[in-house]
Amino acid sequence: MEEESKMSFWKKCKTSVIGLEEYQNLAIQKITKTIAYIAILMLIFAFFITLSITYRFHGLMQDVIMYIDANIEVLNFKQGELFVQSKDKPEEPIIIDENNNFNGKIIIDTKEIKEEQLKTYENEIKSYTNGILILRDKVIIKTNGIDATVTFSLKDIAEQTNLMNIEKKDLVNFVTGTKMYQLDVAFFIAVFIGIFINFLATTLLDVILYSIIAYTVGICTHIRLKYSAAYNIAAYSLTLPIILNLIYAVVNILTGYTITYFSVMYMAIASIYIITAILMIKSDVIKKQMELSKIIEEQERVKQEIARKEQEEKEEEQRQKRRNEDEKKRQEEKKKEEDKKEPSGGGQKPEPQANIKQSI
């Protein structure tokens, strides 16, 4: 396996969206780092979504307070529990349904309710673009752009805003005064945590499902993908759909604009990225195989050339050796011929003795 490529979060984000040809670098990342990337992406996603919801919540609270001031007889919050009673029908829950100030539904029921009634209320607010369910000890919110509901405790918000015991007039003064921003901060924190956990879990589940698609595409295209590589490809392919989902959710929360088949587009974009990335990886593998084949051919050619030169040198050495042997033979034969031309005996001829007359 290739050495893991070190990439920053923003580099990964950019590559995921516009760098399909570099997905092989993302595929070799460790799964732990991929999960960390998704977590950071979800933190950014949750921040902007929560900021938009908080903005809407701030304006909504002004409308709710106006309604409370005109229609609520009793409002009391003490020791983490809320009690609300309307002027017209004290024993019945308060329902604010599709008025001009709120595009959705608000249900206020601070009596003891059973689990079945709670499920009914939750289903009612889920069927609207925006919905708020206010109970004795908690508030459940569903807003446009987000299918899931967010729940937070009234006691936790009271502790964060230092409002443990309040009456109707105190709440009106609080919401219309500067301390309303404390409620906004508490609301932001509670919603942010809920949205982050919810969307992180949902996205990680989506990654698992899309990784199966990636692995299947790999098999169909004859690419041997490890599951970790398929998981990484699936995770990074969701980057653009998540960004588009963020933009759509913010616009939807602030303006109410909806796209009917956005979820289908979300899945289609992710699938297209997965298929394209795998095909480009296959193309890159084929290209590398061709380059490797050329390198092998070149190495074989060089090897043959070296072998040829070695053979030529060897033949040249043999020819030189034969020439040396032939020269040696010629020298020996020449010496033998010279030896034959010399007289036999090999000594000097004796000189005639001079006749010496002896004198008597």
Protein backbone atom coordinates (compact mmCIF):
# COMPACT_ATOMS: atom_id res chain seq x y z
CA MET A 1 0.00 0.00 0.00
CA GLU A 2 1.25 3.46 -0.81
CA GLU A 3 2.41 5.72 1.98
CA GLU A 4 -0.45 7.79 3.35
CA SER A 5 -0.67 11.26 1.88
CA LYS A 6 -0.69 14.04 4.45
CA MET A 7 -3.42 16.54 3.60
CA SER A 8 -5.00 19.37 5.56
CA PHE A 9 -8.76 19.59 6.09
CA TRP A 10 -9.19 22.35 3.51
CA LYS A 11 -6.99 20.50 1.01
CA LYS A 12 -9.16 17.41 1.44
CA CYS A 13 -12.30 19.49 1.07
CA LYS A 14 -11.05 21.10 -2.15
CA THR A 15 -9.87 17.79 -3.57
CA SER A 16 -13.20 16.13 -2.69
CA VAL A 17 -15.12 18.71 -4.71
CA ILE A 18 -12.91 19.61 -7.69
CA GLY A 19 -10.06 17.10 -7.59
CA LEU A 20 -11.56 13.82 -8.74
CA GLU A 21 -8.29 12.89 -10.40
CA GLU A 22 -6.64 12.93 -6.94
CA TYR A 23 -9.15 10.66 -5.20
CA GLN A 24 -6.52 7.91 -5.04
CA ASN A 25 -4.75 10.11 -2.46
CA LEU A 26 -7.96 10.34 -0.44
CA ALA A 27 -8.60 6.61 -0.75
CA ILE A 28 -5.39 5.75 1.11
CA GLN A 29 -6.19 7.91 4.14
CA LYS A 30 -6.70 6.19 7.47
CA ILE A 31 -10.38 5.66 8.30
CA THR A 32 -9.89 7.46 11.63
CA LYS A 33 -8.73 10.58 9.78
CA THR A 34 -11.66 10.28 7.38
CA ILE A 35 -14.10 10.15 10.30
CA ALA A 36 -12.35 13.18 11.83
CA TYR A 37 -12.81 14.98 8.48
CA ILE A 38 -16.54 14.20 8.50
CA ALA A 39 -16.79 15.36 12.13
CA ILE A 40 -15.17 18.73 11.29
CA LEU A 41 -17.45 19.09 8.28
CA MET A 42 -20.46 18.41 10.51
CA LEU A 43 -19.25 20.98 13.06
CA ILE A 44 -19.23 23.62 10.32
CA PHE A 45 -22.59 22.38 9.03
CA ALA A 46 -24.16 22.42 12.52
CA PHE A 47 -22.78 25.89 13.27
CA PHE A 48 -24.37 27.62 10.28
CA ILE A 49 -27.62 25.67 10.54
CA THR A 50 -27.90 26.49 14.26
CA LEU A 51 -27.06 30.12 13.58
CA SER A 52 -29.91 30.31 11.07
CA ILE A 53 -32.32 28.55 13.42
CA THR A 54 -31.35 30.84 16.28
CA TYR A 55 -32.00 33.87 14.10
CA ARG A 56 -35.45 32.52 13.31
CA PHE A 57 -36.00 31.59 16.96
CA HIS A 58 -35.18 35.14 18.08
CA GLY A 59 -37.85 36.60 15.80
CA LEU A 60 -40.29 33.84 16.67
CA MET A 61 -39.94 34.50 20.40
CA GLN A 62 -40.99 38.09 19.87
CA ASP A 63 -44.18 36.86 18.16
CA VAL A 64 -44.80 34.24 20.86
CA ILE A 65 -44.43 36.79 23.64
CA MET A 66 -46.95 39.03 21.93
CA TYR A 67 -49.34 36.07 21.76
CA ILE A 68 -48.69 35.17 25.42
CA ASP A 69 -49.28 38.72 26.54
CA ALA A 70 -52.65 38.78 24.77
CA ASN A 71 -53.95 35.23 25.25
CA ILE A 72 -52.23 33.56 28.22
CA GLU A 73 -53.73 33.93 31.67
CA VAL A 74 -51.10 32.10 33.74
CA LEU A 75 -47.46 31.41 33.02
CA ASN A 76 -45.23 30.14 35.76
CA PHE A 77 -41.81 28.53 35.66
CA LYS A 78 -40.39 27.15 38.88
CA GLN A 79 -37.71 24.55 39.66
CA GLY A 80 -37.33 23.52 36.06
CA GLU A 81 -41.05 23.03 35.35
CA LEU A 82 -43.36 25.23 33.28
CA PHE A 83 -47.09 25.78 33.79
CA VAL A 84 -49.13 27.63 31.15
CA GLN A 85 -52.89 28.27 31.05
CA SER A 86 -54.85 30.14 28.37
CA LYS A 87 -57.57 32.70 29.03
CA ASP A 88 -60.27 31.13 26.84
CA LYS A 89 -59.78 27.37 27.45
CA PRO A 90 -57.73 26.84 30.63
CA GLU A 91 -57.89 23.04 30.58
CA GLU A 92 -56.95 22.54 26.95
CA PRO A 93 -53.52 22.70 25.29
CA ILE A 94 -52.62 25.93 23.50
CA ILE A 95 -52.25 25.54 19.73
CA ILE A 96 -50.97 28.27 17.42
CA ASP A 97 -51.58 26.97 13.92
CA GLU A 98 -50.41 28.57 10.63
CA ASN A 99 -50.85 32.24 11.45
CA ASN A 100 -49.29 35.18 9.63
CA ASN A 101 -46.34 35.41 11.98
CA PHE A 102 -45.35 31.79 12.09
CA ASN A 103 -45.23 29.39 9.16
CA GLY A 104 -45.85 26.23 11.15
CA LYS A 105 -47.39 25.02 14.36
CA ILE A 106 -46.84 25.66 18.08
CA ILE A 107 -48.29 23.33 20.72
CA ILE A 108 -48.10 24.24 24.41
CA ASP A 109 -49.20 21.55 26.86
CA THR A 110 -47.70 21.73 30.34
CA LYS A 111 -49.93 19.10 31.94
CA GLU A 112 -48.77 15.56 32.67
CA ILE A 113 -49.03 13.69 29.36
CA LYS A 114 -48.59 10.07 28.42
CA GLU A 115 -46.07 8.71 25.96
CA GLU A 116 -48.76 8.14 23.34
CA GLN A 117 -49.84 11.78 23.51
CA LEU A 118 -46.23 12.90 23.26
CA LYS A 119 -45.77 10.85 20.07
CA THR A 120 -48.94 12.38 18.64
CA TYR A 121 -47.70 15.92 19.34
CA GLU A 122 -44.28 15.14 17.79
CA ASN A 123 -45.88 13.75 14.65
CA GLU A 124 -48.05 16.86 14.39
CA ILE A 125 -45.14 19.32 14.45
CA LYS A 126 -43.12 17.09 12.09
CA SER A 127 -45.87 17.40 9.49
CA TYR A 128 -45.28 21.19 9.35
CA THR A 129 -42.41 23.16 7.92
CA ASN A 130 -41.74 24.63 11.36
CA GLY A 131 -42.96 23.27 14.66
CA ILE A 132 -42.48 23.86 18.38
CA LEU A 133 -43.75 21.61 21.16
CA ILE A 134 -43.53 23.19 24.61
CA LEU A 135 -44.01 20.74 27.48
CA ARG A 136 -43.67 20.96 31.23
CA ASP A 137 -39.93 20.26 31.32
CA LYS A 138 -38.67 20.49 27.76
CA VAL A 139 -39.07 22.04 24.33
CA ILE A 140 -39.00 20.08 21.07
CA ILE A 141 -38.29 22.03 17.88
CA LYS A 142 -38.61 21.10 14.23
CA THR A 143 -37.57 23.70 11.69
CA ASN A 144 -37.51 23.87 7.91
CA GLY A 145 -34.41 22.46 6.31
CA ILE A 146 -34.10 19.75 8.97
CA ASP A 147 -36.25 16.65 9.09
CA ALA A 148 -35.24 15.66 12.62
CA THR A 149 -36.43 17.34 15.83
CA VAL A 150 -34.18 18.91 18.45
CA THR A 151 -35.00 18.56 22.15
CA PHE A 152 -33.57 20.57 25.01
CA SER A 153 -34.34 20.82 28.69
CA LEU A 154 -36.01 23.92 30.14
CA LYS A 155 -34.08 23.40 33.34
CA ASP A 156 -30.75 23.52 31.48
CA ILE A 157 -31.73 26.74 29.72
CA ALA A 158 -32.94 28.23 33.02
CA GLU A 159 -29.61 27.45 34.68
CA GLN A 160 -27.65 28.96 31.79
CA THR A 161 -29.77 32.14 31.79
CA ASN A 162 -30.12 32.29 35.59
CA LEU A 163 -33.92 32.26 35.37
CA MET A 164 -35.05 29.61 37.85
CA ASN A 165 -38.34 31.22 38.88
CA ILE A 166 -40.28 33.45 36.48
CA GLU A 167 -43.84 34.66 35.98
CA LYS A 168 -45.60 35.89 32.86
CA LYS A 169 -44.52 39.49 33.31
CA ASP A 170 -40.93 38.42 33.99
CA LEU A 171 -40.84 36.41 30.77
CA VAL A 172 -42.28 39.33 28.78
CA ASN A 173 -39.70 41.69 30.26
CA PHE A 174 -36.93 39.14 29.69
CA VAL A 175 -37.71 38.50 26.03
CA THR A 176 -38.23 42.17 25.21
CA GLY A 177 -35.09 43.21 27.14
CA THR A 178 -31.36 42.80 26.64
CA LYS A 179 -31.28 39.46 28.48
CA MET A 180 -32.99 37.85 25.52
CA TYR A 181 -29.51 37.32 24.08
CA GLN A 182 -28.73 35.00 26.99
CA LEU A 183 -31.67 32.87 25.90
CA ASP A 184 -30.40 33.00 22.32
CA VAL A 185 -26.98 31.75 23.45
CA ALA A 186 -28.51 28.97 25.56
CA PHE A 187 -30.79 28.03 22.67
CA PHE A 188 -27.84 28.06 20.23
CA ILE A 189 -25.75 25.75 22.42
CA ALA A 190 -28.58 23.29 23.00
CA VAL A 191 -29.60 23.17 19.33
CA PHE A 192 -25.98 23.03 18.12
CA ILE A 193 -25.21 19.95 20.21
CA GLY A 194 -28.39 18.22 19.09
CA ILE A 195 -27.90 19.00 15.40
CA PHE A 196 -24.22 18.03 15.45
CA ILE A 197 -24.84 14.63 17.08
CA ASN A 198 -27.86 13.93 14.88
CA PHE A 199 -26.23 14.84 11.57
CA LEU A 200 -22.88 13.24 12.43
CA ALA A 201 -24.60 9.93 13.17
CA THR A 202 -26.76 10.21 10.04
CA THR A 203 -23.81 11.09 7.80
CA LEU A 204 -21.63 8.25 9.14
CA LEU A 205 -24.50 5.87 8.42
CA ASP A 206 -24.77 7.32 4.90
CA VAL A 207 -21.04 6.75 4.42
CA ILE A 208 -21.44 3.06 5.26
CA LEU A 209 -24.29 2.71 2.75
CA TYR A 210 -22.43 4.58 0.02
CA SER A 211 -19.24 2.60 0.73
CA ILE A 212 -21.15 -0.54 -0.26
CA ILE A 213 -21.97 1.18 -3.55
CA ALA A 214 -18.31 2.14 -3.99
CA TYR A 215 -17.14 -1.41 -3.27
CA THR A 216 -19.69 -2.82 -5.72
CA VAL A 217 -18.64 -0.37 -8.43
CA GLY A 218 -15.03 -1.38 -7.81
CA ILE A 219 -15.90 -5.05 -8.38
CA CYS A 220 -17.85 -4.23 -11.54
CA THR A 221 -14.97 -2.19 -12.96
CA HIS A 222 -12.38 -4.85 -12.00
CA ILE A 223 -10.66 -2.60 -9.47
CA ARG A 224 -9.51 -4.39 -6.34
CA LEU A 225 -10.58 -1.92 -3.66
CA LYS A 226 -10.05 -2.59 0.00
CA TYR A 227 -13.11 -1.76 2.06
CA SER A 228 -11.18 1.06 3.76
CA ALA A 229 -10.56 2.64 0.33
CA ALA A 230 -14.24 2.24 -0.61
CA TYR A 231 -15.22 3.81 2.72
CA ASN A 232 -12.92 6.78 2.15
CA ILE A 233 -14.14 7.34 -1.40
CA ALA A 234 -17.75 7.26 -0.18
CA ALA A 235 -17.02 9.66 2.68
CA TYR A 236 -15.23 12.27 0.57
CA SER A 237 -17.80 11.97 -2.23
CA LEU A 238 -20.41 13.32 0.21
CA THR A 239 -18.55 16.63 0.62
CA LEU A 240 -20.28 18.48 -2.21
CA PRO A 241 -23.77 17.12 -1.34
CA ILE A 242 -23.23 18.20 2.29
CA ILE A 243 -22.17 21.69 1.22
CA LEU A 244 -25.17 21.99 -1.09
CA ASN A 245 -27.40 20.66 1.70
CA LEU A 246 -26.02 23.32 4.03
CA ILE A 247 -26.74 26.11 1.54
CA TYR A 248 -30.21 24.76 0.85
CA ALA A 249 -31.01 24.32 4.57
CA VAL A 250 -29.94 27.89 5.43
CA VAL A 251 -31.98 29.34 2.55
CA ASN A 252 -34.91 27.14 3.49
CA ILE A 253 -34.79 28.18 7.16
CA LEU A 254 -34.55 31.89 6.40
CA THR A 255 -36.90 32.11 3.42
CA GLY A 256 -38.99 28.94 3.38
CA TYR A 257 -37.85 28.13 -0.18
CA THR A 258 -38.04 24.39 -0.87
CA ILE A 259 -36.77 22.01 -3.54
CA THR A 260 -39.07 19.02 -3.87
CA TYR A 261 -36.54 16.42 -4.96
CA PHE A 262 -33.46 17.76 -3.21
CA SER A 263 -32.84 14.43 -1.41
CA VAL A 264 -32.81 12.67 -4.80
CA MET A 265 -30.30 15.20 -6.11
CA TYR A 266 -28.21 14.66 -2.95
CA MET A 267 -28.02 10.90 -3.59
CA ALA A 268 -27.43 11.37 -7.32
CA ILE A 269 -24.47 13.71 -6.82
CA ALA A 270 -22.86 11.40 -4.26
CA SER A 271 -23.31 8.39 -6.56
CA ILE A 272 -21.90 10.25 -9.57
CA TYR A 273 -18.84 11.28 -7.55
CA ILE A 274 -18.28 7.70 -6.39
CA ILE A 275 -18.55 6.21 -9.89
CA THR A 276 -16.45 8.94 -11.51
CA ALA A 277 -13.76 8.73 -8.84
CA ILE A 278 -13.45 4.95 -9.21
CA LEU A 279 -13.34 5.16 -13.00
CA MET A 280 -10.61 7.81 -12.79
CA ILE A 281 -8.70 5.64 -10.34
CA LYS A 282 -9.02 2.76 -12.81
CA SER A 283 -7.81 5.02 -15.63
CA ASP A 284 -4.87 6.08 -13.49
CA VAL A 285 -4.07 2.43 -12.69
CA ILE A 286 -4.18 1.53 -16.40
CA LYS A 287 -1.96 4.50 -17.20
CA LYS A 288 0.54 3.46 -14.54
CA GLN A 289 0.46 -0.12 -15.83
CA MET A 290 1.20 1.13 -19.35
CA GLU A 291 4.04 3.26 -18.04
CA LEU A 292 5.33 0.29 -16.06
CA SER A 293 5.09 -1.87 -19.18
CA LYS A 294 7.10 0.69 -21.13
CA ILE A 295 9.69 0.81 -18.36
CA ILE A 296 9.92 -3.00 -18.37
CA GLU A 297 10.29 -3.01 -22.17
CA GLU A 298 12.99 -0.36 -21.97
CA GLN A 299 14.77 -2.28 -19.24
CA GLU A 300 14.59 -5.43 -21.37
CA ARG A 301 15.96 -3.53 -24.38
CA VAL A 302 18.82 -2.12 -22.30
CA LYS A 303 19.47 -5.58 -20.88
CA GLN A 304 19.62 -7.06 -24.37
CA GLU A 305 21.90 -4.24 -25.52
CA ILE A 306 24.23 -4.85 -22.59
CA ALA A 307 24.20 -8.59 -23.31
CA ARG A 308 24.98 -7.92 -26.98
CA LYS A 309 27.88 -5.66 -26.08
CA GLU A 310 29.19 -8.22 -23.61
CA GLN A 311 28.94 -10.91 -26.31
CA GLU A 312 30.78 -8.68 -28.80
CA GLU A 313 33.49 -7.96 -26.25
CA LYS A 314 33.78 -11.66 -25.52
CA GLU A 315 34.05 -12.49 -29.23
CA GLU A 316 36.60 -9.74 -29.68
CA GLU A 317 38.64 -11.16 -26.80
CA GLN A 318 38.52 -14.61 -28.42
CA ARG A 319 39.59 -13.19 -31.79
CA GLN A 320 42.41 -11.31 -30.13
CA LYS A 321 43.46 -14.46 -28.34
CA ARG A 322 43.49 -16.39 -31.59
CA ARG A 323 45.52 -13.63 -33.24
CA ASN A 324 48.02 -13.76 -30.40
CA GLU A 325 48.27 -17.53 -30.71
CA ASP A 326 48.74 -17.27 -34.49
CA GLU A 327 51.43 -14.65 -34.02
CA LYS A 328 53.16 -16.83 -31.49
CA LYS A 329 53.11 -19.78 -33.89
CA ARG A 330 54.54 -17.64 -36.68
CA GLN A 331 57.37 -16.49 -34.42
CA GLU A 332 58.18 -20.07 -33.49
CA GLU A 333 58.15 -21.22 -37.12
CA LYS A 334 60.39 -18.32 -38.16
CA LYS A 335 62.87 -19.19 -35.44
CA LYS A 336 62.96 -22.79 -36.56
CA GLU A 337 63.71 -21.76 -40.16
CA GLU A 338 66.59 -19.52 -39.04
CA ASP A 339 68.04 -22.35 -36.95
CA LYS A 340 68.06 -24.67 -40.00
CA LYS A 341 70.13 -22.20 -42.09
CA GLU A 342 73.05 -22.15 -39.51
CA PRO A 343 76.10 -24.72 -40.09
CA SER A 344 76.14 -27.97 -38.16
CA GLY A 345 78.55 -28.26 -35.19
CA GLY A 346 78.11 -24.81 -34.39
CA GLY A 347 81.99 -24.24 -33.67
CA GLN A 348 84.62 -22.11 -35.45
CA LYS A 349 86.79 -23.62 -38.22
CA PRO A 350 90.36 -24.40 -37.03
CA GLU A 351 93.05 -22.15 -38.52
CA PRO A 352 95.97 -23.87 -40.37
CA GLN A 353 99.08 -24.12 -38.20
CA ALA A 354 102.07 -22.27 -39.38
CA ASN A 355 105.11 -24.40 -40.25
CA ILE A 356 107.77 -23.48 -37.84
CA LYS A 357 111.20 -24.39 -38.73
CA GLN A 358 113.17 -25.42 -35.75
CA SER A 359 116.73 -24.29 -35.86
CA ILE A 360 119.21 -26.87 -34.91
